[in-house]
Amino acid sequence: MSCPKRLGQSHSSQPGFLSPRGRPSRDQITQCFIAVGMAAPSMKQRQVCWGARDEYWKCLDENLEDASQCKKLRSSFESSCPQQWIKYFDKRRDYLKFKEKFEAGQFEPSETTAKS
């Protein structure tokens, strides 16, 4: 089995890769991780990662995004999660914060955006 560049992305050269719901099965994901030399995180490893992420995000919320107050928690987050997950979670947090401001009517477009 060859894995798509991104899990969940169907390619015509990979018929049957996705389950009927449009998602790869747990076994398929594990096989892809093994194929690229990574072991899929266990349930316990995922829970530790998510817990470290939640603690770090809570610290950021309590310290008004002053990341210097949360260095230890950031370090714990980075050591508990795969690098790709860290990138995803960082982008996800940025998106959620943007969405929160936008929905509250607090979003201020930059000057260049406002001029266009």
C-alpha atoms as a PDB file:
ATOM      1  CA  MET A   1       0.000   0.000   0.000  1.00  0.00           C
ATOM      2  CA  SER A   2       1.336   3.435  -0.814  1.00  0.00           C
ATOM      3  CA  CYS A   3       0.291   6.327   1.367  1.00  0.00           C
ATOM      4  CA  PRO A   4      -1.052   9.622   0.077  1.00  0.00           C
ATOM      5  CA  LYS A   5       1.025  12.734   0.692  1.00  0.00           C
ATOM      6  CA  ARG A   6      -1.581  13.720   3.263  1.00  0.00           C
ATOM      7  CA  LEU A   7      -3.687  11.180   5.097  1.00  0.00           C
ATOM      8  CA  GLY A   8      -7.324  11.514   4.166  1.00  0.00           C
ATOM      9  CA  GLN A   9      -6.465  12.703   0.677  1.00  0.00           C
ATOM     10  CA  SER A  10      -7.639  10.267  -1.972  1.00  0.00           C
ATOM     11  CA  HIS A  11      -5.583   9.715  -5.090  1.00  0.00           C
ATOM     12  CA  SER A  12      -6.686   7.845  -8.171  1.00  0.00           C
ATOM     13  CA  SER A  13      -3.564   5.678  -7.882  1.00  0.00           C
ATOM     14  CA  GLN A  14      -4.746   4.540  -4.457  1.00  0.00           C
ATOM     15  CA  PRO A  15      -8.157   3.004  -4.912  1.00  0.00           C
ATOM     16  CA  GLY A  16      -9.725   1.829  -1.722  1.00  0.00           C
ATOM     17  CA  PHE A  17      -7.389   3.768   0.560  1.00  0.00           C
ATOM     18  CA  LEU A  18     -10.242   5.608   2.216  1.00  0.00           C
ATOM     19  CA  SER A  19     -12.923   3.964   4.285  1.00  0.00           C
ATOM     20  CA  PRO A  20     -16.596   4.346   3.295  1.00  0.00           C
ATOM     21  CA  ARG A  21     -16.720   7.456   5.501  1.00  0.00           C
ATOM     22  CA  GLY A  22     -13.906   9.054   3.510  1.00  0.00           C
ATOM     23  CA  ARG A  23     -11.261   8.542   6.185  1.00  0.00           C
ATOM     24  CA  PRO A  24      -8.345   6.132   6.345  1.00  0.00           C
ATOM     25  CA  SER A  25      -8.768   3.325   8.841  1.00  0.00           C
ATOM     26  CA  ARG A  26      -6.624   3.123  11.970  1.00  0.00           C
ATOM     27  CA  ASP A  27      -4.671   0.237  10.427  1.00  0.00           C
ATOM     28  CA  GLN A  28      -3.999   2.229   7.256  1.00  0.00           C
ATOM     29  CA  ILE A  29      -2.743   5.200   9.268  1.00  0.00           C
ATOM     30  CA  THR A  30      -0.465   2.935  11.322  1.00  0.00           C
ATOM     31  CA  GLN A  31       0.910   1.367   8.135  1.00  0.00           C
ATOM     32  CA  CYS A  32       1.651   4.818   6.708  1.00  0.00           C
ATOM     33  CA  PHE A  33       3.455   5.915   9.872  1.00  0.00           C
ATOM     34  CA  ILE A  34       5.520   2.726   9.792  1.00  0.00           C
ATOM     35  CA  ALA A  35       6.257   3.232   6.076  1.00  0.00           C
ATOM     36  CA  VAL A  36       7.816   6.630   6.741  1.00  0.00           C
ATOM     37  CA  GLY A  37       9.713   5.423   9.801  1.00  0.00           C
ATOM     38  CA  MET A  38       7.367   6.807  12.439  1.00  0.00           C
ATOM     39  CA  ALA A  39       5.385   4.846  14.957  1.00  0.00           C
ATOM     40  CA  ALA A  40       1.807   5.996  15.361  1.00  0.00           C
ATOM     41  CA  PRO A  41       1.316   7.522  18.810  1.00  0.00           C
ATOM     42  CA  SER A  42      -0.528   5.308  21.266  1.00  0.00           C
ATOM     43  CA  MET A  43      -3.690   6.469  22.992  1.00  0.00           C
ATOM     44  CA  LYS A  44      -1.688   7.335  26.107  1.00  0.00           C
ATOM     45  CA  GLN A  45       0.869   9.327  24.050  1.00  0.00           C
ATOM     46  CA  ARG A  46      -1.943  11.237  22.331  1.00  0.00           C
ATOM     47  CA  GLN A  47      -3.563  12.046  25.677  1.00  0.00           C
ATOM     48  CA  VAL A  48      -0.237  13.286  27.091  1.00  0.00           C
ATOM     49  CA  CYS A  49       0.253  15.462  23.999  1.00  0.00           C
ATOM     50  CA  TRP A  50      -3.257  16.922  24.165  1.00  0.00           C
ATOM     51  CA  GLY A  51      -2.898  17.556  27.895  1.00  0.00           C
ATOM     52  CA  ALA A  52       0.396  19.400  27.374  1.00  0.00           C
ATOM     53  CA  ARG A  53      -1.213  21.426  24.582  1.00  0.00           C
ATOM     54  CA  ASP A  54      -4.195  22.319  26.752  1.00  0.00           C
ATOM     55  CA  GLU A  55      -1.978  23.426  29.655  1.00  0.00           C
ATOM     56  CA  TYR A  56       0.155  25.550  27.317  1.00  0.00           C
ATOM     57  CA  TRP A  57      -2.896  27.174  25.711  1.00  0.00           C
ATOM     58  CA  LYS A  58      -4.397  27.839  29.161  1.00  0.00           C
ATOM     59  CA  CYS A  59      -1.170  29.575  30.190  1.00  0.00           C
ATOM     60  CA  LEU A  60      -1.239  31.707  27.042  1.00  0.00           C
ATOM     61  CA  ASP A  61      -4.855  32.687  27.728  1.00  0.00           C
ATOM     62  CA  GLU A  62      -4.087  33.588  31.340  1.00  0.00           C
ATOM     63  CA  ASN A  63      -0.987  35.597  30.387  1.00  0.00           C
ATOM     64  CA  LEU A  64      -2.534  37.501  27.486  1.00  0.00           C
ATOM     65  CA  GLU A  65      -0.503  35.696  24.848  1.00  0.00           C
ATOM     66  CA  ASP A  66       2.799  36.538  26.627  1.00  0.00           C
ATOM     67  CA  ALA A  67       4.601  33.377  25.585  1.00  0.00           C
ATOM     68  CA  SER A  68       7.621  34.179  27.787  1.00  0.00           C
ATOM     69  CA  GLN A  69       5.525  33.277  30.856  1.00  0.00           C
ATOM     70  CA  CYS A  70       4.813  29.845  29.375  1.00  0.00           C
ATOM     71  CA  LYS A  71       8.263  28.648  28.272  1.00  0.00           C
ATOM     72  CA  LYS A  72       8.262  25.537  30.463  1.00  0.00           C
ATOM     73  CA  LEU A  73       4.808  24.525  29.268  1.00  0.00           C
ATOM     74  CA  ARG A  74       5.837  25.145  25.644  1.00  0.00           C
ATOM     75  CA  SER A  75       8.853  22.924  26.167  1.00  0.00           C
ATOM     76  CA  SER A  76       6.652  20.209  27.665  1.00  0.00           C
ATOM     77  CA  PHE A  77       4.223  20.563  24.745  1.00  0.00           C
ATOM     78  CA  GLU A  78       7.075  20.224  22.227  1.00  0.00           C
ATOM     79  CA  SER A  79       8.551  17.182  23.956  1.00  0.00           C
ATOM     80  CA  SER A  80       5.147  15.462  24.248  1.00  0.00           C
ATOM     81  CA  CYS A  81       3.907  15.833  20.673  1.00  0.00           C
ATOM     82  CA  PRO A  82       5.117  14.945  17.181  1.00  0.00           C
ATOM     83  CA  GLN A  83       6.521  17.967  15.323  1.00  0.00           C
ATOM     84  CA  GLN A  84       3.751  17.900  12.702  1.00  0.00           C
ATOM     85  CA  TRP A  85       1.139  18.011  15.438  1.00  0.00           C
ATOM     86  CA  ILE A  86       2.833  21.019  17.044  1.00  0.00           C
ATOM     87  CA  LYS A  87       2.715  22.897  13.742  1.00  0.00           C
ATOM     88  CA  TYR A  88      -0.934  21.968  13.288  1.00  0.00           C
ATOM     89  CA  PHE A  89      -1.905  22.969  16.843  1.00  0.00           C
ATOM     90  CA  ASP A  90      -0.059  26.305  16.551  1.00  0.00           C
ATOM     91  CA  LYS A  91      -1.911  27.121  13.326  1.00  0.00           C
ATOM     92  CA  ARG A  92      -5.171  25.906  14.827  1.00  0.00           C
ATOM     93  CA  ARG A  93      -4.791  28.207  17.838  1.00  0.00           C
ATOM     94  CA  ASP A  94      -4.056  31.180  15.582  1.00  0.00           C
ATOM     95  CA  TYR A  95      -7.166  30.394  13.542  1.00  0.00           C
ATOM     96  CA  LEU A  96      -9.374  29.969  16.610  1.00  0.00           C
ATOM     97  CA  LYS A  97      -8.172  33.269  18.089  1.00  0.00           C
ATOM     98  CA  PHE A  98      -8.797  35.043  14.756  1.00  0.00           C
ATOM     99  CA  LYS A  99     -12.264  33.500  14.504  1.00  0.00           C
ATOM    100  CA  GLU A 100     -13.069  34.509  18.087  1.00  0.00           C
ATOM    101  CA  LYS A 101     -12.113  38.147  17.401  1.00  0.00           C
ATOM    102  CA  PHE A 102     -13.913  38.185  14.062  1.00  0.00           C
ATOM    103  CA  GLU A 103     -17.155  36.822  15.503  1.00  0.00           C
ATOM    104  CA  ALA A 104     -16.996  39.331  18.369  1.00  0.00           C
ATOM    105  CA  GLY A 105     -16.575  42.172  15.870  1.00  0.00           C
ATOM    106  CA  GLN A 106     -13.112  42.973  17.210  1.00  0.00           C
ATOM    107  CA  PHE A 107     -11.172  42.178  14.053  1.00  0.00           C
ATOM    108  CA  GLU A 108      -9.283  45.157  12.659  1.00  0.00           C
ATOM    109  CA  PRO A 109      -7.984  44.649   9.109  1.00  0.00           C
ATOM    110  CA  SER A 110      -4.461  45.898   8.436  1.00  0.00           C
ATOM    111  CA  GLU A 111      -4.071  49.231   6.615  1.00  0.00           C
ATOM    112  CA  THR A 112      -3.072  47.507   3.377  1.00  0.00           C
ATOM    113  CA  THR A 113      -6.122  45.248   3.534  1.00  0.00           C
ATOM    114  CA  ALA A 114      -8.444  48.139   4.329  1.00  0.00           C
ATOM    115  CA  LYS A 115      -7.168  50.138   1.305  1.00  0.00           C
ATOM    116  CA  SER A 116      -7.830  47.355  -1.199  1.00  0.00           C
END
